[in-house]
């Protein structure tokens, strides 16, 4: 296994070069991660809003739910 072009390990670390692959790409990757994170949150909010609207459409609004609950109240009979 090659350790790179190092002849003397007691030298200056700056002279050795990069210690890991893709040096310098940290900032673009961080920006891409933040953009994806924000996009995911917006997408999730839209999806959950659509699901809520569908449930409200399917099951009715607060007034109709209260009417159903009041009609089945055993204390009213």
PDB file of N, CA and C in Angstrom:
ATOM      1  N   UNK A   1       0.841  -1.168   0.000  1.00  0.00           N
ATOM      2  CA  UNK A   1       0.000   0.000   0.000  1.00  0.00           C
ATOM      3  C   UNK A   1       0.890   1.238   0.000  1.00  0.00           C
ATOM      4  N   UNK A   2       0.573   2.161  -0.870  1.00  0.00           N
ATOM      5  CA  UNK A   2       1.372   3.379  -0.983  1.00  0.00           C
ATOM      6  C   UNK A   2       0.850   4.451  -0.041  1.00  0.00           C
ATOM      7  N   UNK A   3       1.755   5.165   0.581  1.00  0.00           N
ATOM      8  CA  UNK A   3       1.370   6.265   1.474  1.00  0.00           C
ATOM      9  C   UNK A   3       1.590   7.613   0.817  1.00  0.00           C
ATOM     10  N   UNK A   4       1.793   7.638  -0.454  1.00  0.00           N
ATOM     11  CA  UNK A   4       2.005   8.887  -1.164  1.00  0.00           C
ATOM     12  C   UNK A   4       3.478   9.184  -1.334  1.00  0.00           C
ATOM     13  N   UNK A   5       3.764  10.397  -1.691  1.00  0.00           N
ATOM     14  CA  UNK A   5       5.136  10.821  -1.952  1.00  0.00           C
ATOM     15  C   UNK A   5       5.742  11.419  -0.688  1.00  0.00           C
ATOM     16  N   UNK A   6       5.935  10.594   0.323  1.00  0.00           N
ATOM     17  CA  UNK A   6       6.492  11.050   1.587  1.00  0.00           C
ATOM     18  C   UNK A   6       7.811  10.324   1.810  1.00  0.00           C
ATOM     19  N   UNK A   7       8.879  11.094   1.923  1.00  0.00           N
ATOM     20  CA  UNK A   7      10.188  10.502   2.179  1.00  0.00           C
ATOM     21  C   UNK A   7      10.577  10.626   3.647  1.00  0.00           C
ATOM     22  N   UNK A   8      10.088  11.673   4.302  1.00  0.00           N
ATOM     23  CA  UNK A   8      10.464  11.895   5.680  1.00  0.00           C
ATOM     24  C   UNK A   8       9.225  12.378   6.448  1.00  0.00           C
ATOM     25  N   UNK A   9       8.793  11.633   7.456  1.00  0.00           N
ATOM     26  CA  UNK A   9       7.579  11.966   8.193  1.00  0.00           C
ATOM     27  C   UNK A   9       7.803  13.083   9.213  1.00  0.00           C
ATOM     28  N   UNK A  10       9.004  13.509   9.411  1.00  0.00           N
ATOM     29  CA  UNK A  10       9.264  14.583  10.365  1.00  0.00           C
ATOM     30  C   UNK A  10       9.199  15.957   9.718  1.00  0.00           C
ATOM     31  N   UNK A  11       8.858  16.034   8.456  1.00  0.00           N
ATOM     32  CA  UNK A  11       8.793  17.310   7.736  1.00  0.00           C
ATOM     33  C   UNK A  11       7.520  18.090   8.041  1.00  0.00           C
ATOM     34  N   UNK A  12       7.323  19.131   7.297  1.00  0.00           N
ATOM     35  CA  UNK A  12       6.171  20.006   7.442  1.00  0.00           C
ATOM     36  C   UNK A  12       4.949  19.347   6.807  1.00  0.00           C
ATOM     37  N   UNK A  13       3.819  19.329   7.522  1.00  0.00           N
ATOM     38  CA  UNK A  13       2.602  18.678   7.005  1.00  0.00           C
ATOM     39  C   UNK A  13       2.066  19.393   5.760  1.00  0.00           C
ATOM     40  N   UNK A  14       2.306  20.685   5.643  1.00  0.00           N
ATOM     41  CA  UNK A  14       1.843  21.431   4.474  1.00  0.00           C
ATOM     42  C   UNK A  14       2.549  20.975   3.205  1.00  0.00           C
ATOM     43  N   UNK A  15       3.735  20.452   3.330  1.00  0.00           N
ATOM     44  CA  UNK A  15       4.483  19.982   2.166  1.00  0.00           C
ATOM     45  C   UNK A  15       4.004  18.617   1.690  1.00  0.00           C
ATOM     46  N   UNK A  16       3.336  17.872   2.554  1.00  0.00           N
ATOM     47  CA  UNK A  16       2.878  16.530   2.201  1.00  0.00           C
ATOM     48  C   UNK A  16       1.731  16.594   1.205  1.00  0.00           C
ATOM     49  N   UNK A  17       0.793  17.529   1.392  1.00  0.00           N
ATOM     50  CA  UNK A  17      -0.332  17.658   0.484  1.00  0.00           C
ATOM     51  C   UNK A  17      -1.617  17.223   1.164  1.00  0.00           C
ATOM     52  N   UNK A  18      -2.584  16.924   0.372  1.00  0.00           N
ATOM     53  CA  UNK A  18      -3.913  16.585   0.883  1.00  0.00           C
ATOM     54  C   UNK A  18      -3.894  15.282   1.654  1.00  0.00           C
ATOM     55  N   UNK A  19      -4.594  15.266   2.773  1.00  0.00           N
ATOM     56  CA  UNK A  19      -4.647  14.074   3.614  1.00  0.00           C
ATOM     57  C   UNK A  19      -5.901  13.254   3.343  1.00  0.00           C
ATOM     58  N   UNK A  20      -6.819  13.787   2.537  1.00  0.00           N
ATOM     59  CA  UNK A  20      -8.053  13.069   2.212  1.00  0.00           C
ATOM     60  C   UNK A  20      -8.506  13.483   0.815  1.00  0.00           C
ATOM     61  N   UNK A  21      -9.344  12.672   0.176  1.00  0.00           N
ATOM     62  CA  UNK A  21      -9.781  12.989  -1.193  1.00  0.00           C
ATOM     63  C   UNK A  21     -10.789  14.135  -1.217  1.00  0.00           C
ATOM     64  N   UNK A  22     -10.931  14.751  -2.353  1.00  0.00           N
ATOM     65  CA  UNK A  22     -11.887  15.827  -2.621  1.00  0.00           C
ATOM     66  C   UNK A  22     -11.658  17.048  -1.733  1.00  0.00           C
ATOM     67  N   UNK A  23     -10.429  17.406  -1.522  1.00  0.00           N
ATOM     68  CA  UNK A  23     -10.098  18.579  -0.727  1.00  0.00           C
ATOM     69  C   UNK A  23     -10.617  19.818  -1.453  1.00  0.00           C
ATOM     70  N   UNK A  24     -11.282  20.684  -0.711  1.00  0.00           N
ATOM     71  CA  UNK A  24     -11.791  21.931  -1.277  1.00  0.00           C
ATOM     72  C   UNK A  24     -13.239  21.868  -1.701  1.00  0.00           C
ATOM     73  N   UNK A  25     -13.864  20.714  -1.626  1.00  0.00           N
ATOM     74  CA  UNK A  25     -15.254  20.586  -2.047  1.00  0.00           C
ATOM     75  C   UNK A  25     -16.214  20.651  -0.860  1.00  0.00           C
ATOM     76  N   UNK A  26     -15.687  20.915   0.335  1.00  0.00           N
ATOM     77  CA  UNK A  26     -16.525  20.932   1.536  1.00  0.00           C
ATOM     78  C   UNK A  26     -17.607  22.005   1.451  1.00  0.00           C
ATOM     79  N   UNK A  27     -17.254  23.212   1.034  1.00  0.00           N
ATOM     80  CA  UNK A  27     -18.221  24.309   0.979  1.00  0.00           C
ATOM     81  C   UNK A  27     -19.325  24.043  -0.041  1.00  0.00           C
ATOM     82  N   UNK A  28     -19.016  23.643  -1.274  1.00  0.00           N
ATOM     83  CA  UNK A  28     -20.111  23.336  -2.206  1.00  0.00           C
ATOM     84  C   UNK A  28     -21.008  22.195  -1.713  1.00  0.00           C
ATOM     85  N   UNK A  29     -20.415  21.190  -1.076  1.00  0.00           N
ATOM     86  CA  UNK A  29     -21.237  20.096  -0.551  1.00  0.00           C
ATOM     87  C   UNK A  29     -22.133  20.580   0.592  1.00  0.00           C
ATOM     88  N   UNK A  30     -21.620  21.465   1.438  1.00  0.00           N
ATOM     89  CA  UNK A  30     -22.424  22.006   2.526  1.00  0.00           C
ATOM     90  C   UNK A  30     -23.580  22.834   1.966  1.00  0.00           C
ATOM     91  N   UNK A  31     -23.300  23.668   0.968  1.00  0.00           N
ATOM     92  CA  UNK A  31     -24.354  24.479   0.350  1.00  0.00           C
ATOM     93  C   UNK A  31     -25.395  23.575  -0.294  1.00  0.00           C
ATOM     94  N   UNK A  32     -24.956  22.542  -1.003  1.00  0.00           N
ATOM     95  CA  UNK A  32     -25.897  21.602  -1.626  1.00  0.00           C
ATOM     96  C   UNK A  32     -26.738  20.898  -0.561  1.00  0.00           C
ATOM     97  N   UNK A  33     -26.125  20.538   0.557  1.00  0.00           N
ATOM     98  CA  UNK A  33     -26.874  19.883   1.635  1.00  0.00           C
ATOM     99  C   UNK A  33     -27.918  20.798   2.238  1.00  0.00           C
ATOM    100  N   UNK A  34     -27.581  22.059   2.449  1.00  0.00           N
ATOM    101  CA  UNK A  34     -28.542  23.014   3.014  1.00  0.00           C
ATOM    102  C   UNK A  34     -29.679  23.270   2.035  1.00  0.00           C
ATOM    103  N   UNK A  35     -29.359  23.417   0.746  1.00  0.00           N
ATOM    104  CA  UNK A  35     -30.402  23.622  -0.272  1.00  0.00           C
ATOM    105  C   UNK A  35     -31.334  22.415  -0.314  1.00  0.00           C
ATOM    106  N   UNK A  36     -30.772  21.214  -0.291  1.00  0.00           N
ATOM    107  CA  UNK A  36     -31.605  20.014  -0.296  1.00  0.00           C
ATOM    108  C   UNK A  36     -32.471  19.944   0.956  1.00  0.00           C
ATOM    109  N   UNK A  37     -31.922  20.307   2.108  1.00  0.00           N
ATOM    110  CA  UNK A  37     -32.659  20.287   3.373  1.00  0.00           C
ATOM    111  C   UNK A  37     -33.850  21.238   3.323  1.00  0.00           C
ATOM    112  N   UNK A  38     -33.635  22.453   2.825  1.00  0.00           N
ATOM    113  CA  UNK A  38     -34.723  23.430   2.707  1.00  0.00           C
ATOM    114  C   UNK A  38     -35.760  22.935   1.711  1.00  0.00           C
ATOM    115  N   UNK A  39     -35.306  22.409   0.554  1.00  0.00           N
ATOM    116  CA  UNK A  39     -36.238  21.861  -0.442  1.00  0.00           C
ATOM    117  C   UNK A  39     -37.079  20.738   0.159  1.00  0.00           C
ATOM    118  N   UNK A  40     -36.449  19.860   0.947  1.00  0.00           N
ATOM    119  CA  UNK A  40     -37.182  18.746   1.540  1.00  0.00           C
ATOM    120  C   UNK A  40     -38.258  19.252   2.481  1.00  0.00           C
ATOM    121  N   UNK A  41     -37.936  20.261   3.287  1.00  0.00           N
ATOM    122  CA  UNK A  41     -38.935  20.810   4.208  1.00  0.00           C
ATOM    123  C   UNK A  41     -40.105  21.435   3.452  1.00  0.00           C
ATOM    124  N   UNK A  42     -39.837  22.190   2.406  1.00  0.00           N
ATOM    125  CA  UNK A  42     -40.903  22.797   1.606  1.00  0.00           C
ATOM    126  C   UNK A  42     -41.745  21.710   0.957  1.00  0.00           C
ATOM    127  N   UNK A  43     -41.100  20.706   0.396  1.00  0.00           N
ATOM    128  CA  UNK A  43     -41.825  19.600  -0.232  1.00  0.00           C
ATOM    129  C   UNK A  43     -42.692  18.867   0.785  1.00  0.00           C
ATOM    130  N   UNK A  44     -42.165  18.637   1.983  1.00  0.00           N
ATOM    131  CA  UNK A  44     -42.916  17.944   3.034  1.00  0.00           C
ATOM    132  C   UNK A  44     -44.125  18.769   3.470  1.00  0.00           C
ATOM    133  N   UNK A  45     -43.944  20.073   3.630  1.00  0.00           N
ATOM    134  CA  UNK A  45     -45.063  20.944   4.015  1.00  0.00           C
ATOM    135  C   UNK A  45     -46.166  20.923   2.961  1.00  0.00           C
ATOM    136  N   UNK A  46     -45.793  20.979   1.696  1.00  0.00           N
ATOM    137  CA  UNK A  46     -46.796  20.935   0.620  1.00  0.00           C
ATOM    138  C   UNK A  46     -47.533  19.603   0.611  1.00  0.00           C
ATOM    139  N   UNK A  47     -46.791  18.516   0.770  1.00  0.00           N
ATOM    140  CA  UNK A  47     -47.399  17.189   0.772  1.00  0.00           C
ATOM    141  C   UNK A  47     -48.373  17.029   1.930  1.00  0.00           C
ATOM    142  N   UNK A  48     -47.975  17.471   3.122  1.00  0.00           N
ATOM    143  CA  UNK A  48     -48.840  17.342   4.284  1.00  0.00           C
ATOM    144  C   UNK A  48     -50.064  18.246   4.165  1.00  0.00           C
ATOM    145  N   UNK A  49     -49.906  19.408   3.539  1.00  0.00           N
ATOM    146  CA  UNK A  49     -51.052  20.293   3.310  1.00  0.00           C
ATOM    147  C   UNK A  49     -52.064  19.636   2.374  1.00  0.00           C
ATOM    148  N   UNK A  50     -51.560  19.010   1.316  1.00  0.00           N
ATOM    149  CA  UNK A  50     -52.466  18.311   0.389  1.00  0.00           C
ATOM    150  C   UNK A  50     -53.196  17.179   1.098  1.00  0.00           C
ATOM    151  N   UNK A  51     -52.474  16.417   1.924  1.00  0.00           N
ATOM    152  CA  UNK A  51     -53.114  15.320   2.660  1.00  0.00           C
ATOM    153  C   UNK A  51     -54.178  15.851   3.614  1.00  0.00           C
ATOM    154  N   UNK A  52     -53.889  16.946   4.308  1.00  0.00           N
ATOM    155  CA  UNK A  52     -54.854  17.530   5.228  1.00  0.00           C
ATOM    156  C   UNK A  52     -56.078  18.030   4.480  1.00  0.00           C
ATOM    157  N   UNK A  53     -55.875  18.704   3.347  1.00  0.00           N
ATOM    158  CA  UNK A  53     -57.011  19.178   2.553  1.00  0.00           C
ATOM    159  C   UNK A  53     -57.870  18.010   2.082  1.00  0.00           C
ATOM    160  N   UNK A  54     -57.228  16.917   1.684  1.00  0.00           N
ATOM    161  CA  UNK A  54     -57.973  15.732   1.246  1.00  0.00           C
ATOM    162  C   UNK A  54     -58.773  15.127   2.398  1.00  0.00           C
ATOM    163  N   UNK A  55     -58.182  15.069   3.579  1.00  0.00           N
ATOM    164  CA  UNK A  55     -58.902  14.526   4.742  1.00  0.00           C
ATOM    165  C   UNK A  55     -60.082  15.415   5.120  1.00  0.00           C
ATOM    166  N   UNK A  56     -59.884  16.724   5.071  1.00  0.00           N
ATOM    167  CA  UNK A  56     -60.980  17.649   5.373  1.00  0.00           C
ATOM    168  C   UNK A  56     -62.082  17.492   4.334  1.00  0.00           C
ATOM    169  N   UNK A  57     -61.704  17.370   3.056  1.00  0.00           N
ATOM    170  CA  UNK A  57     -62.704  17.184   2.001  1.00  0.00           C
ATOM    171  C   UNK A  57     -63.460  15.870   2.193  1.00  0.00           C
ATOM    172  N   UNK A  58     -62.738  14.825   2.553  1.00  0.00           N
ATOM    173  CA  UNK A  58     -63.348  13.512   2.690  1.00  0.00           C
ATOM    174  C   UNK A  58     -64.211  13.408   3.951  1.00  0.00           C
ATOM    175  N   UNK A  59     -63.750  13.952   5.049  1.00  0.00           N
ATOM    176  CA  UNK A  59     -64.440  13.766   6.324  1.00  0.00           C
ATOM    177  C   UNK A  59     -65.255  14.969   6.760  1.00  0.00           C
ATOM    178  N   UNK A  60     -65.156  16.042   6.055  1.00  0.00           N
ATOM    179  CA  UNK A  60     -65.942  17.212   6.403  1.00  0.00           C
ATOM    180  C   UNK A  60     -65.150  18.216   7.204  1.00  0.00           C
ATOM    181  N   UNK A  61     -65.834  19.301   7.533  1.00  0.00           N
ATOM    182  CA  UNK A  61     -65.176  20.365   8.291  1.00  0.00           C
ATOM    183  C   UNK A  61     -65.508  20.230   9.777  1.00  0.00           C
ATOM    184  N   UNK A  62     -65.110  21.203  10.571  1.00  0.00           N
ATOM    185  CA  UNK A  62     -65.299  21.133  12.021  1.00  0.00           C
ATOM    186  C   UNK A  62     -66.779  21.135  12.393  1.00  0.00           C
ATOM    187  N   UNK A  63     -67.588  21.880  11.669  1.00  0.00           N
ATOM    188  CA  UNK A  63     -69.022  21.940  11.977  1.00  0.00           C
ATOM    189  C   UNK A  63     -69.687  20.575  11.793  1.00  0.00           C
ATOM    190  N   UNK A  64     -69.401  19.912  10.690  1.00  0.00           N
ATOM    191  CA  UNK A  64     -70.032  18.620  10.450  1.00  0.00           C
ATOM    192  C   UNK A  64     -69.530  17.566  11.447  1.00  0.00           C
ATOM    193  N   UNK A  65     -68.264  17.649  11.817  1.00  0.00           N
ATOM    194  CA  UNK A  65     -67.753  16.703  12.814  1.00  0.00           C
ATOM    195  C   UNK A  65     -68.405  16.947  14.176  1.00  0.00           C
ATOM    196  N   UNK A  66     -68.581  18.208  14.552  1.00  0.00           N
ATOM    197  CA  UNK A  66     -69.259  18.517  15.812  1.00  0.00           C
ATOM    198  C   UNK A  66     -70.706  18.042  15.785  1.00  0.00           C
ATOM    199  N   UNK A  67     -71.356  18.177  14.640  1.00  0.00           N
ATOM    200  CA  UNK A  67     -72.742  17.719  14.518  1.00  0.00           C
ATOM    201  C   UNK A  67     -72.823  16.206  14.705  1.00  0.00           C
ATOM    202  N   UNK A  68     -71.917  15.487  14.097  1.00  0.00           N
ATOM    203  CA  UNK A  68     -71.900  14.033  14.240  1.00  0.00           C
ATOM    204  C   UNK A  68     -71.636  13.652  15.695  1.00  0.00           C
ATOM    205  N   UNK A  69     -70.691  14.314  16.321  1.00  0.00           N
ATOM    206  CA  UNK A  69     -70.368  14.007  17.714  1.00  0.00           C
ATOM    207  C   UNK A  69     -71.536  14.350  18.635  1.00  0.00           C
ATOM    208  N   UNK A  70     -72.212  15.445  18.390  1.00  0.00           N
ATOM    209  CA  UNK A  70     -73.342  15.827  19.233  1.00  0.00           C
ATOM    210  C   UNK A  70     -74.540  14.918  19.016  1.00  0.00           C
ATOM    211  N   UNK A  71     -74.737  14.430  17.810  1.00  0.00           N
ATOM    212  CA  UNK A  71     -75.855  13.532  17.522  1.00  0.00           C
ATOM    213  C   UNK A  71     -75.676  12.175  18.202  1.00  0.00           C
ATOM    214  N   UNK A  72     -74.457  11.768  18.457  1.00  0.00           N
ATOM    215  CA  UNK A  72     -74.221  10.475  19.076  1.00  0.00           C
ATOM    216  C   UNK A  72     -73.936  10.601  20.572  1.00  0.00           C
ATOM    217  N   UNK A  73     -74.165  11.763  21.121  1.00  0.00           N
ATOM    218  CA  UNK A  73     -73.915  11.986  22.558  1.00  0.00           C
ATOM    219  C   UNK A  73     -74.959  11.232  23.362  1.00  0.00           C
ATOM    220  N   UNK A  74     -74.549  10.273  24.214  1.00  0.00           N
ATOM    221  CA  UNK A  74     -75.529   9.476  24.975  1.00  0.00           C
ATOM    222  C   UNK A  74     -76.286  10.312  26.008  1.00  0.00           C
ATOM    223  N   UNK A  75     -75.789  11.444  26.410  1.00  0.00           N
ATOM    224  CA  UNK A  75     -76.469  12.288  27.380  1.00  0.00           C
ATOM    225  C   UNK A  75     -77.673  13.011  26.791  1.00  0.00           C
ATOM    226  N   UNK A  76     -77.738  13.125  25.486  1.00  0.00           N
ATOM    227  CA  UNK A  76     -78.842  13.827  24.821  1.00  0.00           C
ATOM    228  C   UNK A  76     -80.055  12.924  24.650  1.00  0.00           C
ATOM    229  N   UNK A  77     -79.909  11.644  24.805  1.00  0.00           N
ATOM    230  CA  UNK A  77     -81.035  10.732  24.541  1.00  0.00           C
ATOM    231  C   UNK A  77     -81.919  10.595  25.712  1.00  0.00           C
TER     232      UNK A  77
END
